[in-house]
């Protein structure tokens, strides 16, 4: 019996269109890793590092573009604005210079993998690999990402918790 639930409540056509674009990216990720595995290259050998590298690239761009230093208030503004909140059905629980707590109630990447018939175990692995991008972004802001719960592991939400291990040290 499958335990992963991931159903969108927001049905706005613009939001659905954005989700479809994200699903397409997730489909690429899945198919590339699946084909590589067929050729004997296990995904854990390269996927986490490649996706983290992409996250670091994106995080550095966000910082350079926004001039926000390492404040998580700037990261929230740059990456988790209105449309992102709608697409992922997010709720921002806390945001200050050193903490950013967000609950995601829907994930289009997870939906793409579900459409491919991935098992719950595969969903959890793919999600963990995809989160390496978010971890990479966090590293650019001097924070770590904790994931107490994820949709892909059967949780009611994805709980993203960006935390600075030494609060009060954000460079502004």
C-alpha atoms as a PDB file:
ATOM      1  CA  UNK A   1       0.000   0.000   0.000  1.00  0.00           C
ATOM      2  CA  UNK A   2       1.398   3.358  -1.021  1.00  0.00           C
ATOM      3  CA  UNK A   3       1.841   5.856   1.761  1.00  0.00           C
ATOM      4  CA  UNK A   4       2.889   8.899  -0.273  1.00  0.00           C
ATOM      5  CA  UNK A   5       0.137  11.483  -0.719  1.00  0.00           C
ATOM      6  CA  UNK A   6       0.625  14.490  -2.960  1.00  0.00           C
ATOM      7  CA  UNK A   7      -2.489  16.132  -4.312  1.00  0.00           C
ATOM      8  CA  UNK A   8      -2.740  19.787  -5.305  1.00  0.00           C
ATOM      9  CA  UNK A   9      -5.566  21.907  -3.977  1.00  0.00           C
ATOM     10  CA  UNK A  10      -4.793  25.082  -5.936  1.00  0.00           C
ATOM     11  CA  UNK A  11      -6.048  24.604  -9.519  1.00  0.00           C
ATOM     12  CA  UNK A  12      -5.357  28.044 -11.042  1.00  0.00           C
ATOM     13  CA  UNK A  13      -4.359  27.499 -14.722  1.00  0.00           C
ATOM     14  CA  UNK A  14      -1.228  29.663 -14.430  1.00  0.00           C
ATOM     15  CA  UNK A  15      -0.070  27.746 -11.349  1.00  0.00           C
ATOM     16  CA  UNK A  16      -0.835  24.433 -13.074  1.00  0.00           C
ATOM     17  CA  UNK A  17       1.274  25.562 -16.063  1.00  0.00           C
ATOM     18  CA  UNK A  18       4.219  26.428 -13.830  1.00  0.00           C
ATOM     19  CA  UNK A  19       3.877  23.059 -12.093  1.00  0.00           C
ATOM     20  CA  UNK A  20       3.979  21.297 -15.455  1.00  0.00           C
ATOM     21  CA  UNK A  21       7.324  22.980 -16.210  1.00  0.00           C
ATOM     22  CA  UNK A  22       8.718  21.783 -12.889  1.00  0.00           C
ATOM     23  CA  UNK A  23       7.355  18.297 -13.525  1.00  0.00           C
ATOM     24  CA  UNK A  24       9.185  18.259 -16.843  1.00  0.00           C
ATOM     25  CA  UNK A  25      12.493  19.058 -15.087  1.00  0.00           C
ATOM     26  CA  UNK A  26      11.840  16.299 -12.572  1.00  0.00           C
ATOM     27  CA  UNK A  27      11.076  13.905 -15.423  1.00  0.00           C
ATOM     28  CA  UNK A  28      14.489  14.669 -16.953  1.00  0.00           C
ATOM     29  CA  UNK A  29      16.153  13.965 -13.617  1.00  0.00           C
ATOM     30  CA  UNK A  30      14.329  10.667 -13.246  1.00  0.00           C
ATOM     31  CA  UNK A  31      14.983   9.460 -16.794  1.00  0.00           C
ATOM     32  CA  UNK A  32      18.670  10.395 -16.697  1.00  0.00           C
ATOM     33  CA  UNK A  33      19.207   8.588 -13.410  1.00  0.00           C
ATOM     34  CA  UNK A  34      17.178   5.588 -14.563  1.00  0.00           C
ATOM     35  CA  UNK A  35      19.156   5.245 -17.801  1.00  0.00           C
ATOM     36  CA  UNK A  36      22.470   5.663 -15.973  1.00  0.00           C
ATOM     37  CA  UNK A  37      21.481   2.886 -13.560  1.00  0.00           C
ATOM     38  CA  UNK A  38      20.708   0.619 -16.540  1.00  0.00           C
ATOM     39  CA  UNK A  39      24.294   1.213 -17.649  1.00  0.00           C
ATOM     40  CA  UNK A  40      25.683   0.288 -14.251  1.00  0.00           C
ATOM     41  CA  UNK A  41      26.175   3.742 -12.727  1.00  0.00           C
ATOM     42  CA  UNK A  42      24.259   3.957  -9.450  1.00  0.00           C
ATOM     43  CA  UNK A  43      22.555   7.311  -8.966  1.00  0.00           C
ATOM     44  CA  UNK A  44      24.037   7.833  -5.503  1.00  0.00           C
ATOM     45  CA  UNK A  45      27.472   8.020  -7.155  1.00  0.00           C
ATOM     46  CA  UNK A  46      26.786  11.281  -8.989  1.00  0.00           C
ATOM     47  CA  UNK A  47      23.280  12.690  -8.565  1.00  0.00           C
ATOM     48  CA  UNK A  48      23.575  14.306  -5.098  1.00  0.00           C
ATOM     49  CA  UNK A  49      26.829  16.070  -6.011  1.00  0.00           C
ATOM     50  CA  UNK A  50      25.541  17.291  -9.383  1.00  0.00           C
ATOM     51  CA  UNK A  51      22.313  18.653  -7.934  1.00  0.00           C
ATOM     52  CA  UNK A  52      24.097  20.257  -4.977  1.00  0.00           C
ATOM     53  CA  UNK A  53      26.439  21.924  -7.476  1.00  0.00           C
ATOM     54  CA  UNK A  54      23.393  23.337  -9.274  1.00  0.00           C
ATOM     55  CA  UNK A  55      22.042  24.618  -5.949  1.00  0.00           C
ATOM     56  CA  UNK A  56      25.325  26.325  -5.119  1.00  0.00           C
ATOM     57  CA  UNK A  57      25.304  27.948  -8.559  1.00  0.00           C
ATOM     58  CA  UNK A  58      21.735  29.166  -8.028  1.00  0.00           C
ATOM     59  CA  UNK A  59      22.441  30.307  -4.463  1.00  0.00           C
ATOM     60  CA  UNK A  60      25.410  32.379  -5.594  1.00  0.00           C
ATOM     61  CA  UNK A  61      23.314  33.969  -8.339  1.00  0.00           C
ATOM     62  CA  UNK A  62      20.561  34.826  -5.861  1.00  0.00           C
ATOM     63  CA  UNK A  63      23.032  36.441  -3.480  1.00  0.00           C
ATOM     64  CA  UNK A  64      24.760  38.419  -6.243  1.00  0.00           C
ATOM     65  CA  UNK A  65      21.479  39.572  -7.760  1.00  0.00           C
ATOM     66  CA  UNK A  66      19.791  40.532  -4.528  1.00  0.00           C
ATOM     67  CA  UNK A  67      22.685  41.983  -2.575  1.00  0.00           C
ATOM     68  CA  UNK A  68      21.130  40.340   0.462  1.00  0.00           C
ATOM     69  CA  UNK A  69      24.176  38.952   2.199  1.00  0.00           C
ATOM     70  CA  UNK A  70      23.364  35.809   4.146  1.00  0.00           C
ATOM     71  CA  UNK A  71      20.037  36.877   5.640  1.00  0.00           C
ATOM     72  CA  UNK A  72      17.316  34.295   5.204  1.00  0.00           C
ATOM     73  CA  UNK A  73      14.837  37.146   4.840  1.00  0.00           C
ATOM     74  CA  UNK A  74      16.492  37.836   1.495  1.00  0.00           C
ATOM     75  CA  UNK A  75      16.393  34.169   0.502  1.00  0.00           C
ATOM     76  CA  UNK A  76      12.666  34.033   1.289  1.00  0.00           C
ATOM     77  CA  UNK A  77      12.038  37.098  -0.832  1.00  0.00           C
ATOM     78  CA  UNK A  78      14.150  35.854  -3.754  1.00  0.00           C
ATOM     79  CA  UNK A  79      13.131  32.195  -3.859  1.00  0.00           C
ATOM     80  CA  UNK A  80       9.906  31.702  -1.938  1.00  0.00           C
ATOM     81  CA  UNK A  81       7.697  34.520  -3.198  1.00  0.00           C
ATOM     82  CA  UNK A  82       4.011  34.522  -4.092  1.00  0.00           C
ATOM     83  CA  UNK A  83       4.146  32.222  -7.126  1.00  0.00           C
ATOM     84  CA  UNK A  84       6.445  29.677  -5.478  1.00  0.00           C
ATOM     85  CA  UNK A  85       4.120  29.682  -2.486  1.00  0.00           C
ATOM     86  CA  UNK A  86       1.175  28.923  -4.778  1.00  0.00           C
ATOM     87  CA  UNK A  87       2.964  26.272  -6.850  1.00  0.00           C
ATOM     88  CA  UNK A  88       4.165  24.305  -3.820  1.00  0.00           C
ATOM     89  CA  UNK A  89       1.200  25.285  -1.628  1.00  0.00           C
ATOM     90  CA  UNK A  90       3.671  26.596   0.959  1.00  0.00           C
ATOM     91  CA  UNK A  91       3.136  28.079   4.340  1.00  0.00           C
ATOM     92  CA  UNK A  92       5.939  30.255   5.692  1.00  0.00           C
ATOM     93  CA  UNK A  93       6.039  29.545   9.420  1.00  0.00           C
ATOM     94  CA  UNK A  94       9.048  31.621  10.456  1.00  0.00           C
ATOM     95  CA  UNK A  95      11.510  33.900   8.727  1.00  0.00           C
ATOM     96  CA  UNK A  96      14.303  35.934  10.254  1.00  0.00           C
ATOM     97  CA  UNK A  97      17.982  36.425   9.463  1.00  0.00           C
ATOM     98  CA  UNK A  98      18.916  33.014  10.869  1.00  0.00           C
ATOM     99  CA  UNK A  99      15.852  30.802  10.356  1.00  0.00           C
ATOM    100  CA  UNK A 100      13.470  30.025   7.531  1.00  0.00           C
ATOM    101  CA  UNK A 101      10.789  27.432   8.281  1.00  0.00           C
ATOM    102  CA  UNK A 102       8.477  26.452   5.443  1.00  0.00           C
ATOM    103  CA  UNK A 103       5.907  23.690   5.063  1.00  0.00           C
ATOM    104  CA  UNK A 104       5.185  22.515   1.521  1.00  0.00           C
ATOM    105  CA  UNK A 105       1.809  20.840   1.024  1.00  0.00           C
ATOM    106  CA  UNK A 106       2.358  19.845  -2.610  1.00  0.00           C
ATOM    107  CA  UNK A 107       5.365  19.035  -4.805  1.00  0.00           C
ATOM    108  CA  UNK A 108       5.287  18.987  -8.627  1.00  0.00           C
ATOM    109  CA  UNK A 109       8.610  17.105  -8.756  1.00  0.00           C
ATOM    110  CA  UNK A 110       7.153  14.347  -6.619  1.00  0.00           C
ATOM    111  CA  UNK A 111       4.064  14.325  -8.845  1.00  0.00           C
ATOM    112  CA  UNK A 112       6.240  13.746 -11.933  1.00  0.00           C
ATOM    113  CA  UNK A 113       7.905  10.752 -10.295  1.00  0.00           C
ATOM    114  CA  UNK A 114       4.555   9.403  -9.142  1.00  0.00           C
ATOM    115  CA  UNK A 115       3.319   9.607 -12.750  1.00  0.00           C
ATOM    116  CA  UNK A 116       6.300   7.445 -13.759  1.00  0.00           C
ATOM    117  CA  UNK A 117       5.148   4.765 -11.333  1.00  0.00           C
ATOM    118  CA  UNK A 118       8.054   5.103  -8.905  1.00  0.00           C
ATOM    119  CA  UNK A 119       7.783   3.088  -5.719  1.00  0.00           C
ATOM    120  CA  UNK A 120       7.594   4.844  -2.360  1.00  0.00           C
ATOM    121  CA  UNK A 121      11.251   3.903  -1.802  1.00  0.00           C
ATOM    122  CA  UNK A 122      12.266   5.415  -5.154  1.00  0.00           C
ATOM    123  CA  UNK A 123      10.257   8.563  -4.387  1.00  0.00           C
ATOM    124  CA  UNK A 124      12.128   9.038  -1.106  1.00  0.00           C
ATOM    125  CA  UNK A 125      15.511   8.624  -2.817  1.00  0.00           C
ATOM    126  CA  UNK A 126      14.678  10.967  -5.699  1.00  0.00           C
ATOM    127  CA  UNK A 127      13.357  13.565  -3.269  1.00  0.00           C
ATOM    128  CA  UNK A 128      16.460  13.358  -1.111  1.00  0.00           C
ATOM    129  CA  UNK A 129      18.624  13.815  -4.185  1.00  0.00           C
ATOM    130  CA  UNK A 130      16.547  16.771  -5.399  1.00  0.00           C
ATOM    131  CA  UNK A 131      16.836  18.387  -1.954  1.00  0.00           C
ATOM    132  CA  UNK A 132      20.615  18.519  -2.481  1.00  0.00           C
ATOM    133  CA  UNK A 133      19.897  21.603  -4.599  1.00  0.00           C
ATOM    134  CA  UNK A 134      18.164  23.260  -1.651  1.00  0.00           C
ATOM    135  CA  UNK A 135      21.054  22.220   0.575  1.00  0.00           C
ATOM    136  CA  UNK A 136      23.467  23.822  -1.894  1.00  0.00           C
ATOM    137  CA  UNK A 137      21.463  27.059  -1.901  1.00  0.00           C
ATOM    138  CA  UNK A 138      21.487  27.039   1.896  1.00  0.00           C
ATOM    139  CA  UNK A 139      25.266  26.622   1.983  1.00  0.00           C
ATOM    140  CA  UNK A 140      25.606  29.898   0.062  1.00  0.00           C
ATOM    141  CA  UNK A 141      23.694  31.614   2.860  1.00  0.00           C
ATOM    142  CA  UNK A 142      25.768  29.957   5.574  1.00  0.00           C
ATOM    143  CA  UNK A 143      22.922  27.735   6.776  1.00  0.00           C
ATOM    144  CA  UNK A 144      22.038  24.069   6.854  1.00  0.00           C
ATOM    145  CA  UNK A 145      18.787  22.513   5.729  1.00  0.00           C
ATOM    146  CA  UNK A 146      16.935  20.147   8.027  1.00  0.00           C
ATOM    147  CA  UNK A 147      14.039  18.049   6.734  1.00  0.00           C
ATOM    148  CA  UNK A 148      12.103  16.703   9.720  1.00  0.00           C
ATOM    149  CA  UNK A 149       9.365  15.392   7.403  1.00  0.00           C
ATOM    150  CA  UNK A 150       8.833  15.024   3.645  1.00  0.00           C
ATOM    151  CA  UNK A 151       5.880  14.214   1.433  1.00  0.00           C
ATOM    152  CA  UNK A 152       8.052  11.637  -0.349  1.00  0.00           C
ATOM    153  CA  UNK A 153       8.487   9.687   2.890  1.00  0.00           C
ATOM    154  CA  UNK A 154       4.764   9.724   3.626  1.00  0.00           C
ATOM    155  CA  UNK A 155       4.594  12.943   5.655  1.00  0.00           C
ATOM    156  CA  UNK A 156       1.667  15.336   5.502  1.00  0.00           C
ATOM    157  CA  UNK A 157       4.075  18.110   4.438  1.00  0.00           C
ATOM    158  CA  UNK A 158       7.654  18.727   3.410  1.00  0.00           C
ATOM    159  CA  UNK A 159       9.138  20.615   6.319  1.00  0.00           C
ATOM    160  CA  UNK A 160      12.080  22.703   5.144  1.00  0.00           C
ATOM    161  CA  UNK A 161      14.004  24.192   8.031  1.00  0.00           C
ATOM    162  CA  UNK A 162      16.934  26.411   7.114  1.00  0.00           C
ATOM    163  CA  UNK A 163      18.933  27.085  10.279  1.00  0.00           C
ATOM    164  CA  UNK A 164      22.083  28.999  10.991  1.00  0.00           C
ATOM    165  CA  UNK A 165      24.067  26.959  13.491  1.00  0.00           C
ATOM    166  CA  UNK A 166      25.540  30.154  14.984  1.00  0.00           C
ATOM    167  CA  UNK A 167      22.581  32.591  15.062  1.00  0.00           C
ATOM    168  CA  UNK A 168      23.312  36.254  14.736  1.00  0.00           C
ATOM    169  CA  UNK A 169      26.218  35.758  12.324  1.00  0.00           C
ATOM    170  CA  UNK A 170      24.376  36.509   9.074  1.00  0.00           C
ATOM    171  CA  UNK A 171      26.393  38.856   6.884  1.00  0.00           C
ATOM    172  CA  UNK A 172      24.224  41.715   5.710  1.00  0.00           C
END
